[in-house]
Amino acid sequence: MKISDLVQELGGEFEGDSAVEISAVAEPEHAGEGDLAWVGDARYTQLHLKAAVLLLSNDQDLPQNHEAKGIWRHPEPGKAFALTIGLLHP
């Protein structure tokens, strides 16, 4: 599913390549190409993140060490993450 479709369905703001395909969700430390990772904990900001797209809260600082092709900001990232799981794996 394209990240642009997820953002349109679930809301929030997206910066980056809107054509990125998301095929799974993953924990930030295990995420890679095609994965969406919710960076909901400050401990992840110290890691090198390889997810295709990072999901952050609206006021959260962007982790400095990442390879993400896009950043999805949402007022309720936990809810957006859970709903994404449902959309990817109905």
PDB file of N, CA and C in Angstrom:
ATOM      1  N   MET A   1       0.844  -1.167   0.000  1.00  0.00           N
ATOM      2  CA  MET A   1       0.000   0.000   0.000  1.00  0.00           C
ATOM      3  C   MET A   1       0.899   1.242   0.000  1.00  0.00           C
ATOM      4  N   LYS A   2       0.575   2.206  -0.822  1.00  0.00           N
ATOM      5  CA  LYS A   2       1.367   3.437  -0.855  1.00  0.00           C
ATOM      6  C   LYS A   2       1.153   4.238   0.428  1.00  0.00           C
ATOM      7  N   ILE A   3       2.219   4.864   0.877  1.00  0.00           N
ATOM      8  CA  ILE A   3       2.119   5.690   2.085  1.00  0.00           C
ATOM      9  C   ILE A   3       1.120   6.818   1.877  1.00  0.00           C
ATOM     10  N   SER A   4       1.023   7.334   0.655  1.00  0.00           N
ATOM     11  CA  SER A   4       0.064   8.410   0.389  1.00  0.00           C
ATOM     12  C   SER A   4      -1.365   7.939   0.640  1.00  0.00           C
ATOM     13  N   ASP A   5      -1.670   6.668   0.348  1.00  0.00           N
ATOM     14  CA  ASP A   5      -3.003   6.125   0.608  1.00  0.00           C
ATOM     15  C   ASP A   5      -3.260   5.998   2.106  1.00  0.00           C
ATOM     16  N   LEU A   6      -2.242   5.575   2.857  1.00  0.00           N
ATOM     17  CA  LEU A   6      -2.389   5.481   4.315  1.00  0.00           C
ATOM     18  C   LEU A   6      -2.641   6.852   4.928  1.00  0.00           C
ATOM     19  N   VAL A   7      -1.881   7.839   4.501  1.00  0.00           N
ATOM     20  CA  VAL A   7      -2.031   9.190   5.055  1.00  0.00           C
ATOM     21  C   VAL A   7      -3.406   9.759   4.695  1.00  0.00           C
ATOM     22  N   GLN A   8      -3.848   9.513   3.474  1.00  0.00           N
ATOM     23  CA  GLN A   8      -5.170   9.997   3.066  1.00  0.00           C
ATOM     24  C   GLN A   8      -6.263   9.339   3.908  1.00  0.00           C
ATOM     25  N   GLU A   9      -6.114   8.054   4.176  1.00  0.00           N
ATOM     26  CA  GLU A   9      -7.112   7.306   4.939  1.00  0.00           C
ATOM     27  C   GLU A   9      -7.109   7.663   6.425  1.00  0.00           C
ATOM     28  N   LEU A  10      -5.910   7.856   7.001  1.00  0.00           N
ATOM     29  CA  LEU A  10      -5.781   7.994   8.450  1.00  0.00           C
ATOM     30  C   LEU A  10      -5.425   9.395   8.931  1.00  0.00           C
ATOM     31  N   GLY A  11      -5.091  10.285   8.009  1.00  0.00           N
ATOM     32  CA  GLY A  11      -4.793  11.662   8.391  1.00  0.00           C
ATOM     33  C   GLY A  11      -3.333  11.876   8.741  1.00  0.00           C
ATOM     34  N   GLY A  12      -3.051  13.077   9.159  1.00  0.00           N
ATOM     35  CA  GLY A  12      -1.692  13.459   9.494  1.00  0.00           C
ATOM     36  C   GLY A  12      -1.023  14.183   8.340  1.00  0.00           C
ATOM     37  N   GLU A  13       0.258  14.450   8.513  1.00  0.00           N
ATOM     38  CA  GLU A  13       1.048  15.164   7.516  1.00  0.00           C
ATOM     39  C   GLU A  13       2.212  14.282   7.094  1.00  0.00           C
ATOM     40  N   PHE A  14       2.537  14.314   5.801  1.00  0.00           N
ATOM     41  CA  PHE A  14       3.626  13.495   5.296  1.00  0.00           C
ATOM     42  C   PHE A  14       4.626  14.347   4.548  1.00  0.00           C
ATOM     43  N   GLU A  15       5.913  14.071   4.787  1.00  0.00           N
ATOM     44  CA  GLU A  15       7.005  14.725   4.065  1.00  0.00           C
ATOM     45  C   GLU A  15       7.876  13.628   3.465  1.00  0.00           C
ATOM     46  N   GLY A  16       8.152  13.738   2.175  1.00  0.00           N
ATOM     47  CA  GLY A  16       9.027  12.771   1.535  1.00  0.00           C
ATOM     48  C   GLY A  16       8.413  12.196   0.281  1.00  0.00           C
ATOM     49  N   ASP A  17       8.855  11.004  -0.084  1.00  0.00           N
ATOM     50  CA  ASP A  17       8.427  10.319  -1.295  1.00  0.00           C
ATOM     51  C   ASP A  17       7.068   9.662  -1.059  1.00  0.00           C
ATOM     52  N   SER A  18       6.010  10.256  -1.582  1.00  0.00           N
ATOM     53  CA  SER A  18       4.657   9.759  -1.330  1.00  0.00           C
ATOM     54  C   SER A  18       4.338   8.471  -2.089  1.00  0.00           C
ATOM     55  N   ALA A  19       5.225   8.037  -2.966  1.00  0.00           N
ATOM     56  CA  ALA A  19       5.017   6.798  -3.714  1.00  0.00           C
ATOM     57  C   ALA A  19       5.613   5.579  -3.015  1.00  0.00           C
ATOM     58  N   VAL A  20       6.218   5.763  -1.851  1.00  0.00           N
ATOM     59  CA  VAL A  20       6.818   4.641  -1.117  1.00  0.00           C
ATOM     60  C   VAL A  20       5.740   3.606  -0.806  1.00  0.00           C
ATOM     61  N   GLU A  21       6.046   2.347  -1.092  1.00  0.00           N
ATOM     62  CA  GLU A  21       5.144   1.240  -0.792  1.00  0.00           C
ATOM     63  C   GLU A  21       5.437   0.699   0.604  1.00  0.00           C
ATOM     64  N   ILE A  22       4.390   0.594   1.408  1.00  0.00           N
ATOM     65  CA  ILE A  22       4.505   0.028   2.745  1.00  0.00           C
ATOM     66  C   ILE A  22       3.879  -1.363   2.713  1.00  0.00           C
ATOM     67  N   SER A  23       4.669  -2.368   3.057  1.00  0.00           N
ATOM     68  CA  SER A  23       4.177  -3.743   3.031  1.00  0.00           C
ATOM     69  C   SER A  23       4.021  -4.341   4.426  1.00  0.00           C
ATOM     70  N   ALA A  24       4.613  -3.681   5.433  1.00  0.00           N
ATOM     71  CA  ALA A  24       4.549  -4.208   6.791  1.00  0.00           C
ATOM     72  C   ALA A  24       4.854  -3.103   7.792  1.00  0.00           C
ATOM     73  N   VAL A  25       4.534  -3.370   9.040  1.00  0.00           N
ATOM     74  CA  VAL A  25       4.945  -2.504  10.140  1.00  0.00           C
ATOM     75  C   VAL A  25       5.982  -3.279  10.944  1.00  0.00           C
ATOM     76  N   ALA A  26       6.872  -2.553  11.597  1.00  0.00           N
ATOM     77  CA  ALA A  26       7.931  -3.219  12.353  1.00  0.00           C
ATOM     78  C   ALA A  26       8.422  -2.319  13.478  1.00  0.00           C
ATOM     79  N   GLU A  27       9.032  -2.954  14.468  1.00  0.00           N
ATOM     80  CA  GLU A  27       9.694  -2.197  15.520  1.00  0.00           C
ATOM     81  C   GLU A  27      10.832  -1.406  14.885  1.00  0.00           C
ATOM     82  N   PRO A  28      11.086  -0.197  15.357  1.00  0.00           N
ATOM     83  CA  PRO A  28      12.105   0.638  14.721  1.00  0.00           C
ATOM     84  C   PRO A  28      13.472  -0.025  14.558  1.00  0.00           C
ATOM     85  N   GLU A  29      13.902  -0.794  15.554  1.00  0.00           N
ATOM     86  CA  GLU A  29      15.240  -1.386  15.470  1.00  0.00           C
ATOM     87  C   GLU A  29      15.314  -2.546  14.471  1.00  0.00           C
ATOM     88  N   HIS A  30      14.159  -3.073  14.035  1.00  0.00           N
ATOM     89  CA  HIS A  30      14.133  -4.194  13.096  1.00  0.00           C
ATOM     90  C   HIS A  30      13.594  -3.805  11.722  1.00  0.00           C
ATOM     91  N   ALA A  31      13.088  -2.611  11.572  1.00  0.00           N
ATOM     92  CA  ALA A  31      12.445  -2.187  10.333  1.00  0.00           C
ATOM     93  C   ALA A  31      13.456  -1.983   9.212  1.00  0.00           C
ATOM     94  N   GLY A  32      12.988  -2.234   7.996  1.00  0.00           N
ATOM     95  CA  GLY A  32      13.830  -2.054   6.820  1.00  0.00           C
ATOM     96  C   GLY A  32      13.020  -1.552   5.646  1.00  0.00           C
ATOM     97  N   GLU A  33      13.477  -1.858   4.451  1.00  0.00           N
ATOM     98  CA  GLU A  33      12.822  -1.429   3.222  1.00  0.00           C
ATOM     99  C   GLU A  33      11.375  -1.930   3.196  1.00  0.00           C
ATOM    100  N   GLY A  34      10.446  -1.044   2.896  1.00  0.00           N
ATOM    101  CA  GLY A  34       9.044  -1.406   2.815  1.00  0.00           C
ATOM    102  C   GLY A  34       8.306  -1.386   4.141  1.00  0.00           C
ATOM    103  N   ASP A  35       9.003  -1.057   5.222  1.00  0.00           N
ATOM    104  CA  ASP A  35       8.391  -1.068   6.554  1.00  0.00           C
ATOM    105  C   ASP A  35       8.058   0.334   7.057  1.00  0.00           C
ATOM    106  N   LEU A  36       6.974   0.399   7.814  1.00  0.00           N
ATOM    107  CA  LEU A  36       6.607   1.587   8.573  1.00  0.00           C
ATOM    108  C   LEU A  36       6.995   1.323  10.021  1.00  0.00           C
ATOM    109  N   ALA A  37       7.685   2.255  10.639  1.00  0.00           N
ATOM    110  CA  ALA A  37       8.079   2.113  12.043  1.00  0.00           C
ATOM    111  C   ALA A  37       7.584   3.316  12.837  1.00  0.00           C
ATOM    112  N   TRP A  38       6.906   3.034  13.939  1.00  0.00           N
ATOM    113  CA  TRP A  38       6.450   4.081  14.855  1.00  0.00           C
ATOM    114  C   TRP A  38       7.560   4.317  15.871  1.00  0.00           C
ATOM    115  N   VAL A  39       8.094   5.517  15.861  1.00  0.00           N
ATOM    116  CA  VAL A  39       9.157   5.890  16.794  1.00  0.00           C
ATOM    117  C   VAL A  39       8.495   6.549  18.000  1.00  0.00           C
ATOM    118  N   GLY A  40       7.929   5.703  18.876  1.00  0.00           N
ATOM    119  CA  GLY A  40       7.152   6.204  19.995  1.00  0.00           C
ATOM    120  C   GLY A  40       7.925   6.331  21.291  1.00  0.00           C
ATOM    121  N   ASP A  41       9.188   6.007  21.260  1.00  0.00           N
ATOM    122  CA  ASP A  41       9.992   5.998  22.475  1.00  0.00           C
ATOM    123  C   ASP A  41      11.318   6.697  22.195  1.00  0.00           C
ATOM    124  N   ALA A  42      11.765   7.530  23.120  1.00  0.00           N
ATOM    125  CA  ALA A  42      12.996   8.302  22.931  1.00  0.00           C
ATOM    126  C   ALA A  42      14.229   7.416  22.753  1.00  0.00           C
ATOM    127  N   ARG A  43      14.194   6.191  23.251  1.00  0.00           N
ATOM    128  CA  ARG A  43      15.370   5.318  23.111  1.00  0.00           C
ATOM    129  C   ARG A  43      15.689   5.026  21.650  1.00  0.00           C
ATOM    130  N   TYR A  44      14.673   5.073  20.784  1.00  0.00           N
ATOM    131  CA  TYR A  44      14.897   4.791  19.371  1.00  0.00           C
ATOM    132  C   TYR A  44      15.609   5.925  18.647  1.00  0.00           C
ATOM    133  N   THR A  45      15.602   7.102  19.221  1.00  0.00           N
ATOM    134  CA  THR A  45      16.250   8.238  18.559  1.00  0.00           C
ATOM    135  C   THR A  45      17.765   8.091  18.528  1.00  0.00           C
ATOM    136  N   GLN A  46      18.302   7.194  19.337  1.00  0.00           N
ATOM    137  CA  GLN A  46      19.746   6.971  19.385  1.00  0.00           C
ATOM    138  C   GLN A  46      20.212   5.892  18.402  1.00  0.00           C
ATOM    139  N   LEU A  47      19.265   5.183  17.785  1.00  0.00           N
ATOM    140  CA  LEU A  47      19.605   4.082  16.883  1.00  0.00           C
ATOM    141  C   LEU A  47      19.698   4.551  15.432  1.00  0.00           C
ATOM    142  N   HIS A  48      20.339   3.753  14.608  1.00  0.00           N
ATOM    143  CA  HIS A  48      20.347   3.982  13.160  1.00  0.00           C
ATOM    144  C   HIS A  48      19.103   3.284  12.615  1.00  0.00           C
ATOM    145  N   LEU A  49      18.113   4.053  12.175  1.00  0.00           N
ATOM    146  CA  LEU A  49      16.832   3.515  11.746  1.00  0.00           C
ATOM    147  C   LEU A  49      16.800   3.353  10.232  1.00  0.00           C
ATOM    148  N   LYS A  50      16.344   2.178   9.769  1.00  0.00           N
ATOM    149  CA  LYS A  50      16.360   1.860   8.343  1.00  0.00           C
ATOM    150  C   LYS A  50      14.963   1.682   7.747  1.00  0.00           C
ATOM    151  N   ALA A  51      13.930   2.039   8.479  1.00  0.00           N
ATOM    152  CA  ALA A  51      12.557   1.908   7.977  1.00  0.00           C
ATOM    153  C   ALA A  51      12.351   2.797   6.757  1.00  0.00           C
ATOM    154  N   ALA A  52      11.440   2.380   5.881  1.00  0.00           N
ATOM    155  CA  ALA A  52      11.106   3.192   4.710  1.00  0.00           C
ATOM    156  C   ALA A  52      10.429   4.497   5.127  1.00  0.00           C
ATOM    157  N   VAL A  53       9.548   4.398   6.138  1.00  0.00           N
ATOM    158  CA  VAL A  53       8.828   5.570   6.651  1.00  0.00           C
ATOM    159  C   VAL A  53       8.819   5.514   8.168  1.00  0.00           C
ATOM    160  N   LEU A  54       9.063   6.659   8.782  1.00  0.00           N
ATOM    161  CA  LEU A  54       8.985   6.789  10.239  1.00  0.00           C
ATOM    162  C   LEU A  54       7.690   7.503  10.602  1.00  0.00           C
ATOM    163  N   LEU A  55       6.985   6.991  11.588  1.00  0.00           N
ATOM    164  CA  LEU A  55       5.766   7.596  12.106  1.00  0.00           C
ATOM    165  C   LEU A  55       6.097   8.277  13.428  1.00  0.00           C
ATOM    166  N   LEU A  56       5.823   9.565  13.500  1.00  0.00           N
ATOM    167  CA  LEU A  56       6.137  10.375  14.678  1.00  0.00           C
ATOM    168  C   LEU A  56       4.913  11.176  15.107  1.00  0.00           C
ATOM    169  N   SER A  57       4.907  11.609  16.360  1.00  0.00           N
ATOM    170  CA  SER A  57       3.872  12.545  16.794  1.00  0.00           C
ATOM    171  C   SER A  57       4.179  13.919  16.195  1.00  0.00           C
ATOM    172  N   ASN A  58       3.187  14.784  16.210  1.00  0.00           N
ATOM    173  CA  ASN A  58       3.347  16.105  15.591  1.00  0.00           C
ATOM    174  C   ASN A  58       4.475  16.923  16.194  1.00  0.00           C
ATOM    175  N   ASP A  59       4.712  16.769  17.494  1.00  0.00           N
ATOM    176  CA  ASP A  59       5.707  17.603  18.173  1.00  0.00           C
ATOM    177  C   ASP A  59       7.016  16.870  18.469  1.00  0.00           C
ATOM    178  N   GLN A  60       7.162  15.690  17.941  1.00  0.00           N
ATOM    179  CA  GLN A  60       8.346  14.873  18.218  1.00  0.00           C
ATOM    180  C   GLN A  60       9.513  15.270  17.317  1.00  0.00           C
ATOM    181  N   ASP A  61      10.709  15.298  17.902  1.00  0.00           N
ATOM    182  CA  ASP A  61      11.912  15.584  17.121  1.00  0.00           C
ATOM    183  C   ASP A  61      12.239  14.409  16.204  1.00  0.00           C
ATOM    184  N   LEU A  62      12.708  14.725  15.020  1.00  0.00           N
ATOM    185  CA  LEU A  62      13.097  13.720  14.048  1.00  0.00           C
ATOM    186  C   LEU A  62      14.406  13.070  14.480  1.00  0.00           C
ATOM    187  N   PRO A  63      14.452  11.730  14.525  1.00  0.00           N
ATOM    188  CA  PRO A  63      15.724  11.066  14.826  1.00  0.00           C
ATOM    189  C   PRO A  63      16.772  11.474  13.793  1.00  0.00           C
ATOM    190  N   GLN A  64      17.979  11.737  14.244  1.00  0.00           N
ATOM    191  CA  GLN A  64      19.012  12.242  13.340  1.00  0.00           C
ATOM    192  C   GLN A  64      19.626  11.160  12.470  1.00  0.00           C
ATOM    193  N   ASN A  65      19.632   9.932  12.920  1.00  0.00           N
ATOM    194  CA  ASN A  65      20.328   8.872  12.218  1.00  0.00           C
ATOM    195  C   ASN A  65      19.307   7.898  11.606  1.00  0.00           C
ATOM    196  N   HIS A  66      18.844   8.218  10.390  1.00  0.00           N
ATOM    197  CA  HIS A  66      17.846   7.366   9.743  1.00  0.00           C
ATOM    198  C   HIS A  66      18.033   7.375   8.228  1.00  0.00           C
ATOM    199  N   GLU A  67      17.428   6.364   7.585  1.00  0.00           N
ATOM    200  CA  GLU A  67      17.463   6.239   6.134  1.00  0.00           C
ATOM    201  C   GLU A  67      16.055   6.344   5.539  1.00  0.00           C
ATOM    202  N   ALA A  68      15.102   6.832   6.304  1.00  0.00           N
ATOM    203  CA  ALA A  68      13.706   6.881   5.871  1.00  0.00           C
ATOM    204  C   ALA A  68      13.531   7.735   4.619  1.00  0.00           C
ATOM    205  N   LYS A  69      12.638   7.270   3.758  1.00  0.00           N
ATOM    206  CA  LYS A  69      12.285   8.010   2.551  1.00  0.00           C
ATOM    207  C   LYS A  69      11.136   8.972   2.812  1.00  0.00           C
ATOM    208  N   GLY A  70      10.563   8.869   4.009  1.00  0.00           N
ATOM    209  CA  GLY A  70       9.468   9.756   4.355  1.00  0.00           C
ATOM    210  C   GLY A  70       9.208   9.787   5.844  1.00  0.00           C
ATOM    211  N   ILE A  71       8.604  10.885   6.279  1.00  0.00           N
ATOM    212  CA  ILE A  71       8.236  11.075   7.686  1.00  0.00           C
ATOM    213  C   ILE A  71       6.744  11.359   7.734  1.00  0.00           C
ATOM    214  N   TRP A  72       6.020  10.548   8.484  1.00  0.00           N
ATOM    215  CA  TRP A  72       4.578  10.708   8.663  1.00  0.00           C
ATOM    216  C   TRP A  72       4.347  11.207  10.076  1.00  0.00           C
ATOM    217  N   ARG A  73       3.802  12.405  10.191  1.00  0.00           N
ATOM    218  CA  ARG A  73       3.484  12.979  11.505  1.00  0.00           C
ATOM    219  C   ARG A  73       1.982  12.892  11.722  1.00  0.00           C
ATOM    220  N   HIS A  74       1.607  12.428  12.906  1.00  0.00           N
ATOM    221  CA  HIS A  74       0.195  12.212  13.213  1.00  0.00           C
ATOM    222  C   HIS A  74      -0.062  12.649  14.658  1.00  0.00           C
ATOM    223  N   PRO A  75      -1.234  13.249  14.933  1.00  0.00           N
ATOM    224  CA  PRO A  75      -1.526  13.669  16.308  1.00  0.00           C
ATOM    225  C   PRO A  75      -1.690  12.485  17.265  1.00  0.00           C
ATOM    226  N   GLU A  76      -2.062  11.320  16.737  1.00  0.00           N
ATOM    227  CA  GLU A  76      -2.203  10.102  17.536  1.00  0.00           C
ATOM    228  C   GLU A  76      -1.457   8.957  16.832  1.00  0.00           C
ATOM    229  N   PRO A  77      -0.125   8.961  16.896  1.00  0.00           N
ATOM    230  CA  PRO A  77       0.639   7.971  16.139  1.00  0.00           C
ATOM    231  C   PRO A  77       0.371   6.526  16.549  1.00  0.00           C
ATOM    232  N   GLY A  78       0.097   6.281  17.812  1.00  0.00           N
ATOM    233  CA  GLY A  78      -0.208   4.923  18.253  1.00  0.00           C
ATOM    234  C   GLY A  78      -1.477   4.401  17.587  1.00  0.00           C
ATOM    235  N   LYS A  79      -2.472   5.242  17.505  1.00  0.00           N
ATOM    236  CA  LYS A  79      -3.725   4.872  16.847  1.00  0.00           C
ATOM    237  C   LYS A  79      -3.498   4.667  15.349  1.00  0.00           C
ATOM    238  N   ALA A  80      -2.746   5.570  14.718  1.00  0.00           N
ATOM    239  CA  ALA A  80      -2.451   5.444  13.285  1.00  0.00           C
ATOM    240  C   ALA A  80      -1.678   4.158  13.004  1.00  0.00           C
ATOM    241  N   PHE A  81      -0.765   3.802  13.884  1.00  0.00           N
ATOM    242  CA  PHE A  81       0.027   2.573  13.728  1.00  0.00           C
ATOM    243  C   PHE A  81      -0.877   1.345  13.809  1.00  0.00           C
ATOM    244  N   ALA A  82      -1.755   1.311  14.813  1.00  0.00           N
ATOM    245  CA  ALA A  82      -2.668   0.182  14.981  1.00  0.00           C
ATOM    246  C   ALA A  82      -3.615   0.053  13.790  1.00  0.00           C
ATOM    247  N   LEU A  83      -4.140   1.161  13.323  1.00  0.00           N
ATOM    248  CA  LEU A  83      -5.045   1.121  12.164  1.00  0.00           C
ATOM    249  C   LEU A  83      -4.306   0.696  10.901  1.00  0.00           C
ATOM    250  N   THR A  84      -3.052   1.084  10.782  1.00  0.00           N
ATOM    251  CA  THR A  84      -2.243   0.649   9.639  1.00  0.00           C
ATOM    252  C   THR A  84      -2.090  -0.863   9.623  1.00  0.00           C
ATOM    253  N   ILE A  85      -1.879  -1.454  10.781  1.00  0.00           N
ATOM    254  CA  ILE A  85      -1.783  -2.911  10.868  1.00  0.00           C
ATOM    255  C   ILE A  85      -3.056  -3.546  10.319  1.00  0.00           C
ATOM    256  N   GLY A  86      -4.207  -2.994  10.702  1.00  0.00           N
ATOM    257  CA  GLY A  86      -5.472  -3.518  10.217  1.00  0.00           C
ATOM    258  C   GLY A  86      -5.655  -3.364   8.721  1.00  0.00           C
ATOM    259  N   LEU A  87      -5.162  -2.274   8.151  1.00  0.00           N
ATOM    260  CA  LEU A  87      -5.289  -2.055   6.724  1.00  0.00           C
ATOM    261  C   LEU A  87      -4.347  -2.953   5.917  1.00  0.00           C
ATOM    262  N   LEU A  88      -3.161  -3.191   6.449  1.00  0.00           N
ATOM    263  CA  LEU A  88      -2.193  -4.027   5.750  1.00  0.00           C
ATOM    264  C   LEU A  88      -2.497  -5.529   5.898  1.00  0.00           C
ATOM    265  N   HIS A  89      -3.111  -5.880   7.006  1.00  0.00           N
ATOM    266  CA  HIS A  89      -3.384  -7.296   7.306  1.00  0.00           C
ATOM    267  C   HIS A  89      -4.840  -7.464   7.744  1.00  0.00           C
ATOM    268  N   PRO A  90      -5.778  -7.290   6.783  1.00  0.00           N
ATOM    269  CA  PRO A  90      -7.213  -7.347   7.152  1.00  0.00           C
ATOM    270  C   PRO A  90      -7.662  -8.723   7.642  1.00  0.00           C
TER     271      PRO A  90
END
